[in-house]
């Protein structure tokens, strides 16, 4: 029954020829080093929504994309090449739809962090690495000398930063109702 409902959802989605756009309100990134260049990462997507396409509701199509590409597919691994042990979950929190991905990495490059040498601070360039995202908060130093870079001390082992989407959130539809329906039907 689960596969049948999912197939129907995909079929209905395939009928839409309009393309929507998944977006989120905010993202939280947490990185914990377990070795010199390796560690564990978590990306939390807060308030996952569908942007209307020319005023049309394409939230069913976008929800199907969320499930097939992100939750059941490899979109996260494609976005962060080389990561491993990816775990995914989708859930409701504070009345909005969220998703969280945890993973392992063996290179700072895979999580977009940079450290020139052992005496240098850790760095993350926000503008270049995160398209359509704006810096909101971190546990590092940001915008020193007007540079769009977060700096952390060279001894740092845990990193946190939060971004918000640069796009307009007013013309969006929450995917929470689709998630609740999917969650209710997936266990039948």
N, C-alpha and C. Protein backbone atom coordinates (compact mmCIF):
# COMPACT_ATOMS: atom_id res chain seq x y z
N UNK A 1 0.83 -1.19 0.00
CA UNK A 1 0.00 0.00 0.00
C UNK A 1 0.87 1.26 0.00
N UNK A 2 1.96 1.23 0.78
CA UNK A 2 2.86 2.36 0.84
C UNK A 2 3.41 2.69 -0.54
N UNK A 3 3.88 1.68 -1.26
CA UNK A 3 4.43 1.89 -2.60
C UNK A 3 3.36 2.37 -3.57
N UNK A 4 2.13 1.87 -3.40
CA UNK A 4 1.02 2.27 -4.27
C UNK A 4 0.71 3.76 -4.08
N UNK A 5 0.63 4.21 -2.82
CA UNK A 5 0.36 5.63 -2.56
C UNK A 5 1.49 6.51 -3.08
N UNK A 6 2.69 6.05 -2.89
CA UNK A 6 3.84 6.81 -3.37
C UNK A 6 3.82 6.91 -4.89
N UNK A 7 3.49 5.81 -5.56
CA UNK A 7 3.42 5.80 -7.02
C UNK A 7 2.35 6.77 -7.52
N UNK A 8 1.23 6.82 -6.82
CA UNK A 8 0.16 7.76 -7.19
C UNK A 8 0.65 9.19 -7.04
N UNK A 9 1.35 9.46 -5.93
CA UNK A 9 1.88 10.80 -5.71
C UNK A 9 2.85 11.19 -6.83
N UNK A 10 3.71 10.29 -7.22
CA UNK A 10 4.66 10.57 -8.30
C UNK A 10 3.92 10.78 -9.62
N UNK A 11 2.91 9.97 -9.90
CA UNK A 11 2.13 10.12 -11.13
C UNK A 11 1.44 11.47 -11.18
N UNK A 12 0.81 11.85 -10.07
CA UNK A 12 0.14 13.15 -10.02
C UNK A 12 1.15 14.26 -10.24
N UNK A 13 2.29 14.13 -9.61
CA UNK A 13 3.34 15.12 -9.74
C UNK A 13 3.81 15.23 -11.18
N UNK A 14 3.95 14.10 -11.85
CA UNK A 14 4.41 14.08 -13.23
C UNK A 14 3.47 14.82 -14.16
N UNK A 15 2.20 14.93 -13.79
CA UNK A 15 1.22 15.62 -14.62
C UNK A 15 1.51 17.12 -14.66
N UNK A 16 2.05 17.66 -13.57
CA UNK A 16 2.34 19.09 -13.55
C UNK A 16 3.52 19.38 -14.47
N UNK A 17 3.32 20.30 -15.37
CA UNK A 17 4.44 20.67 -16.24
C UNK A 17 5.06 21.99 -15.78
N UNK A 18 4.47 22.60 -14.80
CA UNK A 18 5.02 23.83 -14.27
C UNK A 18 6.11 23.45 -13.26
N UNK A 19 7.16 24.21 -13.25
CA UNK A 19 8.20 23.88 -12.29
C UNK A 19 8.09 24.80 -11.08
N UNK A 20 8.12 24.22 -9.92
CA UNK A 20 8.09 24.98 -8.69
C UNK A 20 9.49 25.12 -8.16
N UNK A 21 9.57 25.51 -6.94
CA UNK A 21 10.90 25.68 -6.36
C UNK A 21 10.82 25.45 -4.87
N UNK A 22 11.56 24.46 -4.42
CA UNK A 22 11.70 24.23 -2.99
C UNK A 22 12.62 25.27 -2.40
N UNK A 23 12.29 25.75 -1.25
CA UNK A 23 13.18 26.65 -0.54
C UNK A 23 12.93 26.49 0.95
N UNK A 24 13.77 27.09 1.73
CA UNK A 24 13.64 27.05 3.18
C UNK A 24 13.83 28.46 3.73
N UNK A 25 13.33 28.64 4.92
CA UNK A 25 13.50 29.95 5.56
C UNK A 25 14.92 30.11 6.11
N UNK A 26 15.41 29.06 6.80
CA UNK A 26 16.73 29.12 7.43
C UNK A 26 17.42 27.77 7.37
N UNK A 27 18.74 27.80 7.52
CA UNK A 27 19.54 26.58 7.62
C UNK A 27 20.51 26.73 8.79
N UNK A 28 20.69 25.65 9.52
CA UNK A 28 21.68 25.60 10.59
C UNK A 28 22.71 24.54 10.24
N UNK A 29 23.96 24.90 10.36
CA UNK A 29 25.07 24.00 10.07
C UNK A 29 25.85 23.76 11.36
N UNK A 30 26.14 22.49 11.65
CA UNK A 30 26.97 22.13 12.80
C UNK A 30 28.03 21.14 12.31
N UNK A 31 29.26 21.45 12.62
CA UNK A 31 30.38 20.60 12.24
C UNK A 31 31.18 20.29 13.50
N UNK A 32 31.52 19.03 13.67
CA UNK A 32 32.34 18.61 14.80
C UNK A 32 33.52 17.80 14.27
N UNK A 33 34.74 18.29 14.54
CA UNK A 33 35.93 17.58 14.10
C UNK A 33 36.19 16.38 15.01
N UNK A 34 36.45 15.24 14.41
CA UNK A 34 36.81 14.04 15.17
C UNK A 34 38.25 13.64 14.87
N UNK A 35 38.85 14.28 13.88
CA UNK A 35 40.24 14.08 13.48
C UNK A 35 40.78 15.42 13.02
N UNK A 36 41.97 15.43 12.46
CA UNK A 36 42.56 16.70 12.02
C UNK A 36 41.73 17.37 10.92
N UNK A 37 41.23 16.59 9.97
CA UNK A 37 40.43 17.13 8.88
C UNK A 37 39.09 16.42 8.71
N UNK A 38 38.79 15.49 9.58
CA UNK A 38 37.57 14.69 9.43
C UNK A 38 36.61 14.97 10.59
N UNK A 39 35.36 14.56 10.38
CA UNK A 39 34.39 14.78 11.44
C UNK A 39 32.99 14.41 11.03
N UNK A 40 32.06 14.98 11.78
CA UNK A 40 30.64 14.75 11.58
C UNK A 40 29.95 16.09 11.35
N UNK A 41 28.96 16.09 10.46
CA UNK A 41 28.23 17.30 10.16
C UNK A 41 26.74 17.11 10.27
N UNK A 42 26.05 18.20 10.52
CA UNK A 42 24.59 18.22 10.55
C UNK A 42 24.12 19.49 9.85
N UNK A 43 23.17 19.32 8.94
CA UNK A 43 22.52 20.47 8.32
C UNK A 43 21.03 20.36 8.62
N UNK A 44 20.49 21.40 9.23
CA UNK A 44 19.06 21.42 9.55
C UNK A 44 18.39 22.48 8.67
N UNK A 45 17.35 22.05 7.95
CA UNK A 45 16.56 22.93 7.09
C UNK A 45 15.30 23.30 7.85
N UNK A 46 15.07 24.59 8.07
CA UNK A 46 13.96 25.06 8.90
C UNK A 46 12.92 25.76 8.03
N UNK A 47 11.68 25.31 8.14
CA UNK A 47 10.54 25.85 7.39
C UNK A 47 10.69 25.63 5.89
N UNK A 48 10.55 24.39 5.49
CA UNK A 48 10.63 24.01 4.08
C UNK A 48 9.32 24.40 3.40
N UNK A 49 9.42 25.16 2.31
CA UNK A 49 8.23 25.67 1.64
C UNK A 49 8.36 25.53 0.13
N UNK A 50 7.26 25.73 -0.54
CA UNK A 50 7.19 25.74 -2.00
C UNK A 50 6.92 27.16 -2.46
N UNK A 51 7.72 27.64 -3.41
CA UNK A 51 7.45 28.95 -3.98
C UNK A 51 6.43 28.79 -5.11
N UNK A 52 5.45 29.68 -5.12
CA UNK A 52 4.45 29.64 -6.19
C UNK A 52 5.13 29.93 -7.52
N UNK A 53 4.61 29.31 -8.58
CA UNK A 53 5.12 29.52 -9.92
C UNK A 53 4.09 30.33 -10.69
N UNK A 54 4.40 31.59 -10.96
CA UNK A 54 3.44 32.51 -11.61
C UNK A 54 2.10 32.50 -10.88
N UNK A 55 2.14 32.49 -9.55
CA UNK A 55 0.94 32.53 -8.73
C UNK A 55 0.25 31.19 -8.56
N UNK A 56 0.77 30.13 -9.17
CA UNK A 56 0.13 28.81 -9.09
C UNK A 56 0.78 27.96 -8.00
N UNK A 57 -0.06 27.23 -7.30
CA UNK A 57 0.36 26.34 -6.23
C UNK A 57 0.96 25.06 -6.83
N UNK A 58 2.25 24.86 -6.64
CA UNK A 58 2.92 23.65 -7.12
C UNK A 58 3.52 22.88 -5.93
N UNK A 59 2.86 23.03 -4.78
CA UNK A 59 3.40 22.43 -3.56
C UNK A 59 3.39 20.90 -3.59
N UNK A 60 2.43 20.28 -4.26
CA UNK A 60 2.43 18.81 -4.36
C UNK A 60 3.66 18.33 -5.12
N UNK A 61 3.98 19.00 -6.21
CA UNK A 61 5.16 18.64 -7.00
C UNK A 61 6.43 18.85 -6.19
N UNK A 62 6.50 19.96 -5.49
CA UNK A 62 7.69 20.26 -4.69
C UNK A 62 7.85 19.27 -3.53
N UNK A 63 6.73 18.87 -2.92
CA UNK A 63 6.83 17.90 -1.83
C UNK A 63 7.34 16.56 -2.37
N UNK A 64 6.85 16.17 -3.54
CA UNK A 64 7.32 14.91 -4.15
C UNK A 64 8.82 15.00 -4.44
N UNK A 65 9.28 16.16 -4.90
CA UNK A 65 10.72 16.36 -5.14
C UNK A 65 11.51 16.26 -3.84
N UNK A 66 10.97 16.85 -2.79
CA UNK A 66 11.63 16.78 -1.49
C UNK A 66 11.83 15.33 -1.06
N UNK A 67 10.78 14.53 -1.19
CA UNK A 67 10.86 13.13 -0.76
C UNK A 67 11.75 12.32 -1.68
N UNK A 68 11.53 12.42 -3.00
CA UNK A 68 12.29 11.56 -3.92
C UNK A 68 13.75 11.98 -4.05
N UNK A 69 14.04 13.27 -4.12
CA UNK A 69 15.41 13.72 -4.34
C UNK A 69 16.23 13.83 -3.06
N UNK A 70 15.62 14.31 -2.00
CA UNK A 70 16.37 14.56 -0.77
C UNK A 70 16.26 13.42 0.25
N UNK A 71 15.04 13.05 0.60
CA UNK A 71 14.86 12.06 1.66
C UNK A 71 15.19 10.65 1.17
N UNK A 72 14.69 10.26 0.01
CA UNK A 72 14.96 8.92 -0.52
C UNK A 72 16.10 8.91 -1.54
N UNK A 73 16.47 10.07 -2.06
CA UNK A 73 17.50 10.14 -3.09
C UNK A 73 18.86 10.59 -2.56
N UNK A 74 19.73 11.00 -3.47
CA UNK A 74 21.10 11.35 -3.14
C UNK A 74 21.44 12.82 -3.33
N UNK A 75 20.46 13.69 -3.30
CA UNK A 75 20.70 15.11 -3.55
C UNK A 75 21.71 15.70 -2.56
N UNK A 76 21.64 15.33 -1.30
CA UNK A 76 22.58 15.85 -0.31
C UNK A 76 23.99 15.38 -0.62
N UNK A 77 24.15 14.10 -0.98
CA UNK A 77 25.49 13.59 -1.32
C UNK A 77 26.03 14.29 -2.57
N UNK A 78 25.15 14.64 -3.50
CA UNK A 78 25.57 15.36 -4.70
C UNK A 78 25.97 16.80 -4.37
N UNK A 79 25.28 17.41 -3.40
CA UNK A 79 25.59 18.78 -3.01
C UNK A 79 26.90 18.87 -2.23
N UNK A 80 27.25 17.80 -1.53
CA UNK A 80 28.47 17.75 -0.73
C UNK A 80 29.26 16.50 -1.12
N UNK A 81 29.93 16.53 -2.27
CA UNK A 81 30.64 15.34 -2.76
C UNK A 81 31.64 14.80 -1.74
N UNK A 82 31.66 13.48 -1.60
CA UNK A 82 32.62 12.82 -0.73
C UNK A 82 32.14 12.54 0.67
N UNK A 83 30.99 13.09 1.08
CA UNK A 83 30.50 12.79 2.42
C UNK A 83 29.99 11.35 2.45
N UNK A 84 29.91 10.78 3.65
CA UNK A 84 29.46 9.39 3.78
C UNK A 84 28.55 9.25 4.99
N UNK A 85 27.97 8.06 5.14
CA UNK A 85 27.09 7.75 6.27
C UNK A 85 26.00 8.81 6.45
N UNK A 86 25.33 9.14 5.36
CA UNK A 86 24.29 10.18 5.39
C UNK A 86 23.02 9.60 6.01
N UNK A 87 22.51 10.27 7.02
CA UNK A 87 21.23 9.93 7.63
C UNK A 87 20.30 11.11 7.44
N UNK A 88 19.03 10.81 7.13
CA UNK A 88 18.08 11.85 6.79
C UNK A 88 16.82 11.69 7.62
N UNK A 89 16.25 12.81 8.02
CA UNK A 89 14.94 12.75 8.65
C UNK A 89 14.18 14.02 8.31
N UNK A 90 12.88 13.88 8.29
CA UNK A 90 11.98 14.99 8.01
C UNK A 90 10.97 15.00 9.15
N UNK A 91 10.64 16.20 9.65
CA UNK A 91 9.81 16.27 10.85
C UNK A 91 9.17 17.65 10.99
N UNK A 92 8.18 17.71 11.86
CA UNK A 92 7.53 18.97 12.19
C UNK A 92 8.16 19.51 13.47
N UNK A 93 8.46 20.80 13.48
CA UNK A 93 8.99 21.44 14.68
C UNK A 93 8.48 22.86 14.74
N UNK A 94 7.90 23.23 15.86
CA UNK A 94 7.36 24.58 16.06
C UNK A 94 6.40 25.00 14.95
N UNK A 95 5.60 24.05 14.46
CA UNK A 95 4.58 24.37 13.47
C UNK A 95 5.08 24.53 12.05
N UNK A 96 6.34 24.15 11.76
CA UNK A 96 6.86 24.21 10.40
C UNK A 96 7.53 22.89 10.04
N UNK A 97 7.69 22.66 8.74
CA UNK A 97 8.35 21.44 8.27
C UNK A 97 9.86 21.65 8.26
N UNK A 98 10.56 20.67 8.83
CA UNK A 98 12.03 20.73 8.90
C UNK A 98 12.60 19.42 8.38
N UNK A 99 13.85 19.46 8.03
CA UNK A 99 14.59 18.25 7.67
C UNK A 99 15.98 18.38 8.27
N UNK A 100 16.57 17.22 8.56
CA UNK A 100 17.92 17.24 9.11
C UNK A 100 18.73 16.12 8.48
N UNK A 101 19.94 16.45 8.09
CA UNK A 101 20.85 15.50 7.47
C UNK A 101 22.12 15.46 8.29
N UNK A 102 22.54 14.26 8.68
CA UNK A 102 23.81 14.09 9.36
C UNK A 102 24.71 13.27 8.46
N UNK A 103 26.01 13.47 8.58
CA UNK A 103 26.95 12.80 7.68
C UNK A 103 28.35 12.84 8.29
N UNK A 104 29.22 12.01 7.73
CA UNK A 104 30.63 12.01 8.07
C UNK A 104 31.40 12.61 6.90
N UNK A 105 32.55 13.21 7.19
CA UNK A 105 33.41 13.74 6.13
C UNK A 105 34.86 13.47 6.50
N UNK A 106 35.73 13.42 5.50
CA UNK A 106 37.14 13.18 5.76
C UNK A 106 38.04 14.30 5.24
N UNK A 107 37.42 15.43 4.85
CA UNK A 107 38.18 16.58 4.37
C UNK A 107 37.40 17.85 4.69
N UNK A 108 38.11 18.87 5.17
CA UNK A 108 37.47 20.15 5.44
C UNK A 108 36.83 20.72 4.18
N UNK A 109 37.43 20.44 3.05
CA UNK A 109 36.91 20.92 1.77
C UNK A 109 35.47 20.45 1.54
N UNK A 110 35.16 19.23 1.99
CA UNK A 110 33.81 18.67 1.78
C UNK A 110 32.74 19.48 2.52
N UNK A 111 33.11 20.15 3.59
CA UNK A 111 32.15 20.96 4.34
C UNK A 111 32.43 22.45 4.18
N UNK A 112 33.27 22.77 3.18
CA UNK A 112 33.54 24.14 2.76
C UNK A 112 34.34 24.96 3.78
N UNK A 113 34.99 24.30 4.74
CA UNK A 113 35.86 24.98 5.68
C UNK A 113 37.28 25.03 5.11
N UNK A 114 38.05 26.04 5.54
CA UNK A 114 39.42 26.18 5.05
C UNK A 114 40.33 26.53 6.22
N UNK A 115 41.52 25.94 6.22
CA UNK A 115 42.56 26.25 7.20
C UNK A 115 43.88 26.16 6.44
N UNK A 116 44.57 27.29 6.31
CA UNK A 116 45.78 27.36 5.50
C UNK A 116 46.89 26.48 6.05
N UNK A 117 47.15 26.58 7.34
CA UNK A 117 48.15 25.74 7.99
C UNK A 117 47.78 25.58 9.46
N UNK A 118 48.61 24.87 10.23
CA UNK A 118 48.25 24.57 11.62
C UNK A 118 48.15 25.81 12.50
N UNK A 119 48.77 26.91 12.10
CA UNK A 119 48.73 28.13 12.89
C UNK A 119 47.64 29.11 12.45
N UNK A 120 46.92 28.77 11.41
CA UNK A 120 45.88 29.65 10.87
C UNK A 120 44.54 29.37 11.53
N UNK A 121 43.65 30.37 11.50
CA UNK A 121 42.29 30.11 11.98
C UNK A 121 41.52 29.30 10.94
N UNK A 122 40.41 28.71 11.36
CA UNK A 122 39.49 28.08 10.41
C UNK A 122 38.68 29.20 9.77
N UNK A 123 38.31 29.01 8.49
CA UNK A 123 37.58 30.05 7.78
C UNK A 123 36.48 29.43 6.92
N UNK A 124 35.43 30.22 6.73
CA UNK A 124 34.33 29.82 5.85
C UNK A 124 33.86 31.07 5.13
N UNK A 125 33.95 31.06 3.79
CA UNK A 125 33.47 32.20 3.01
C UNK A 125 31.98 32.00 2.76
N UNK A 126 31.16 32.84 3.34
CA UNK A 126 29.71 32.67 3.28
C UNK A 126 29.16 32.98 1.90
N UNK A 127 29.54 34.08 1.29
CA UNK A 127 28.94 34.51 0.02
C UNK A 127 29.21 33.54 -1.12
N UNK A 128 30.41 33.00 -1.22
CA UNK A 128 30.76 32.13 -2.34
C UNK A 128 30.21 30.71 -2.17
N UNK A 129 30.16 30.21 -0.96
CA UNK A 129 29.80 28.82 -0.73
C UNK A 129 28.30 28.58 -0.63
N UNK A 130 27.53 29.60 -0.35
CA UNK A 130 26.12 29.40 -0.07
C UNK A 130 25.27 30.34 -0.90
N UNK A 131 24.97 29.92 -2.12
CA UNK A 131 24.16 30.72 -3.03
C UNK A 131 22.78 30.97 -2.44
N UNK A 132 22.30 32.18 -2.59
CA UNK A 132 20.97 32.59 -2.13
C UNK A 132 20.80 32.50 -0.63
N UNK A 133 21.88 32.39 0.12
CA UNK A 133 21.80 32.38 1.58
C UNK A 133 22.55 33.58 2.12
N UNK A 134 22.00 34.15 3.19
CA UNK A 134 22.64 35.28 3.86
C UNK A 134 23.03 34.86 5.26
N UNK A 135 24.17 35.32 5.71
CA UNK A 135 24.63 35.05 7.06
C UNK A 135 23.61 35.56 8.08
N UNK A 136 23.34 34.77 9.12
CA UNK A 136 22.48 35.23 10.20
C UNK A 136 23.20 35.18 11.55
N UNK A 137 23.92 34.07 11.82
CA UNK A 137 24.52 33.92 13.14
C UNK A 137 25.61 32.85 13.07
N UNK A 138 26.53 32.88 14.02
CA UNK A 138 27.53 31.82 14.14
C UNK A 138 28.19 31.93 15.50
N UNK A 139 29.01 30.93 15.81
CA UNK A 139 29.80 31.00 17.03
C UNK A 139 31.23 31.44 16.72
N UNK A 140 31.44 31.98 15.53
CA UNK A 140 32.74 32.52 15.12
C UNK A 140 32.66 34.02 14.96
N UNK A 141 33.73 34.60 14.45
CA UNK A 141 33.79 36.04 14.16
C UNK A 141 33.42 36.23 12.69
N UNK A 142 32.48 37.15 12.41
CA UNK A 142 32.03 37.35 11.03
C UNK A 142 32.24 38.80 10.60
N UNK A 143 32.56 38.97 9.33
CA UNK A 143 32.63 40.26 8.67
C UNK A 143 33.74 41.16 9.22
N UNK A 144 34.85 40.56 9.64
CA UNK A 144 36.00 41.37 10.04
C UNK A 144 36.54 42.07 8.82
N UNK A 145 36.78 43.36 8.93
CA UNK A 145 37.29 44.15 7.80
C UNK A 145 36.40 44.02 6.56
N UNK A 146 35.12 43.88 6.76
CA UNK A 146 34.12 43.78 5.68
C UNK A 146 34.33 42.58 4.77
N UNK A 147 34.88 41.51 5.29
CA UNK A 147 35.04 40.27 4.53
C UNK A 147 33.87 39.34 4.83
N UNK A 148 33.24 38.74 3.81
CA UNK A 148 32.12 37.82 4.06
C UNK A 148 32.61 36.44 4.48
N UNK A 149 33.42 36.43 5.54
CA UNK A 149 34.06 35.20 6.01
C UNK A 149 33.81 35.05 7.50
N UNK A 150 33.54 33.80 7.92
CA UNK A 150 33.47 33.50 9.34
C UNK A 150 34.84 32.94 9.73
N UNK A 151 35.41 33.46 10.80
CA UNK A 151 36.68 32.97 11.33
C UNK A 151 36.45 32.28 12.67
N UNK A 152 37.11 31.14 12.85
CA UNK A 152 37.12 30.45 14.14
C UNK A 152 38.56 30.29 14.58
N UNK A 153 38.80 30.27 15.87
CA UNK A 153 40.16 30.09 16.40
C UNK A 153 40.74 28.77 15.92
N UNK A 154 42.06 28.72 15.82
CA UNK A 154 42.74 27.54 15.28
C UNK A 154 42.53 26.29 16.13
N UNK A 155 42.11 26.44 17.38
CA UNK A 155 41.90 25.28 18.25
C UNK A 155 40.44 24.80 18.27
N UNK A 156 39.59 25.44 17.49
CA UNK A 156 38.16 25.11 17.47
C UNK A 156 37.94 23.68 16.97
N UNK A 157 37.03 22.97 17.62
CA UNK A 157 36.67 21.61 17.20
C UNK A 157 35.20 21.50 16.82
N UNK A 158 34.39 22.47 17.23
CA UNK A 158 32.97 22.47 16.88
C UNK A 158 32.61 23.83 16.28
N UNK A 159 31.89 23.80 15.17
CA UNK A 159 31.55 24.99 14.41
C UNK A 159 30.04 25.07 14.23
N UNK A 160 29.51 26.27 14.32
CA UNK A 160 28.08 26.48 14.11
C UNK A 160 27.90 27.75 13.31
N UNK A 161 27.00 27.69 12.30
CA UNK A 161 26.58 28.90 11.63
C UNK A 161 25.15 28.70 11.12
N UNK A 162 24.47 29.82 10.99
CA UNK A 162 23.06 29.81 10.57
C UNK A 162 22.90 30.82 9.45
N UNK A 163 22.14 30.43 8.44
CA UNK A 163 21.87 31.32 7.31
C UNK A 163 20.37 31.46 7.12
N UNK A 164 19.98 32.52 6.45
CA UNK A 164 18.59 32.68 6.04
C UNK A 164 18.59 32.85 4.54
N UNK A 165 17.49 32.47 3.93
CA UNK A 165 17.40 32.56 2.47
C UNK A 165 17.24 34.02 2.05
N UNK A 166 17.92 34.36 0.99
CA UNK A 166 17.86 35.72 0.47
C UNK A 166 16.57 35.97 -0.31
N UNK A 167 15.90 34.89 -0.71
CA UNK A 167 14.70 35.04 -1.53
C UNK A 167 13.50 35.46 -0.69
N UNK A 168 12.53 36.00 -1.37
CA UNK A 168 11.30 36.48 -0.75
C UNK A 168 10.45 35.29 -0.30
N UNK A 169 10.07 35.27 0.95
CA UNK A 169 9.29 34.16 1.51
C UNK A 169 7.79 34.44 1.49
N UNK A 170 7.36 35.60 0.99
CA UNK A 170 5.95 35.95 1.05
C UNK A 170 5.08 35.17 0.06
N UNK A 171 5.64 34.72 -1.04
CA UNK A 171 4.87 34.03 -2.08
C UNK A 171 5.12 32.52 -2.00
N UNK A 172 5.04 31.98 -0.78
CA UNK A 172 5.35 30.56 -0.58
C UNK A 172 4.19 29.83 0.10
N UNK A 173 4.23 28.51 0.00
CA UNK A 173 3.24 27.65 0.63
C UNK A 173 3.97 26.63 1.48
N UNK A 174 3.58 26.52 2.72
CA UNK A 174 4.19 25.54 3.61
C UNK A 174 3.92 24.13 3.10
N UNK A 175 4.89 23.24 3.27
CA UNK A 175 4.71 21.84 2.88
C UNK A 175 4.31 20.98 4.07
N UNK A 176 3.97 21.60 5.18
CA UNK A 176 3.62 20.86 6.39
C UNK A 176 2.38 19.99 6.20
N UNK A 177 1.35 20.49 5.52
CA UNK A 177 0.15 19.68 5.30
C UNK A 177 0.44 18.46 4.43
N UNK A 178 1.25 18.62 3.39
CA UNK A 178 1.63 17.48 2.55
C UNK A 178 2.42 16.45 3.38
N UNK A 179 3.30 16.96 4.24
CA UNK A 179 4.08 16.06 5.09
C UNK A 179 3.17 15.27 6.04
N UNK A 180 2.23 15.95 6.66
CA UNK A 180 1.32 15.27 7.60
C UNK A 180 0.53 14.18 6.89
N UNK A 181 0.04 14.47 5.69
CA UNK A 181 -0.69 13.50 4.91
C UNK A 181 0.21 12.33 4.52
N UNK A 182 1.41 12.61 4.07
CA UNK A 182 2.38 11.59 3.69
C UNK A 182 2.74 10.71 4.88
N UNK A 183 2.99 11.34 6.01
CA UNK A 183 3.36 10.61 7.23
C UNK A 183 2.23 9.70 7.68
N UNK A 184 1.00 10.19 7.59
CA UNK A 184 -0.17 9.41 7.98
C UNK A 184 -0.34 8.19 7.07
N UNK A 185 -0.11 8.36 5.76
CA UNK A 185 -0.34 7.30 4.80
C UNK A 185 0.84 6.35 4.59
N UNK A 186 2.04 6.77 4.95
CA UNK A 186 3.21 5.92 4.67
C UNK A 186 3.25 4.67 5.56
N UNK A 187 2.60 4.72 6.69
CA UNK A 187 2.61 3.57 7.61
C UNK A 187 1.42 2.65 7.42
N UNK A 188 0.60 2.91 6.43
CA UNK A 188 -0.58 2.06 6.19
C UNK A 188 -0.26 0.95 5.25
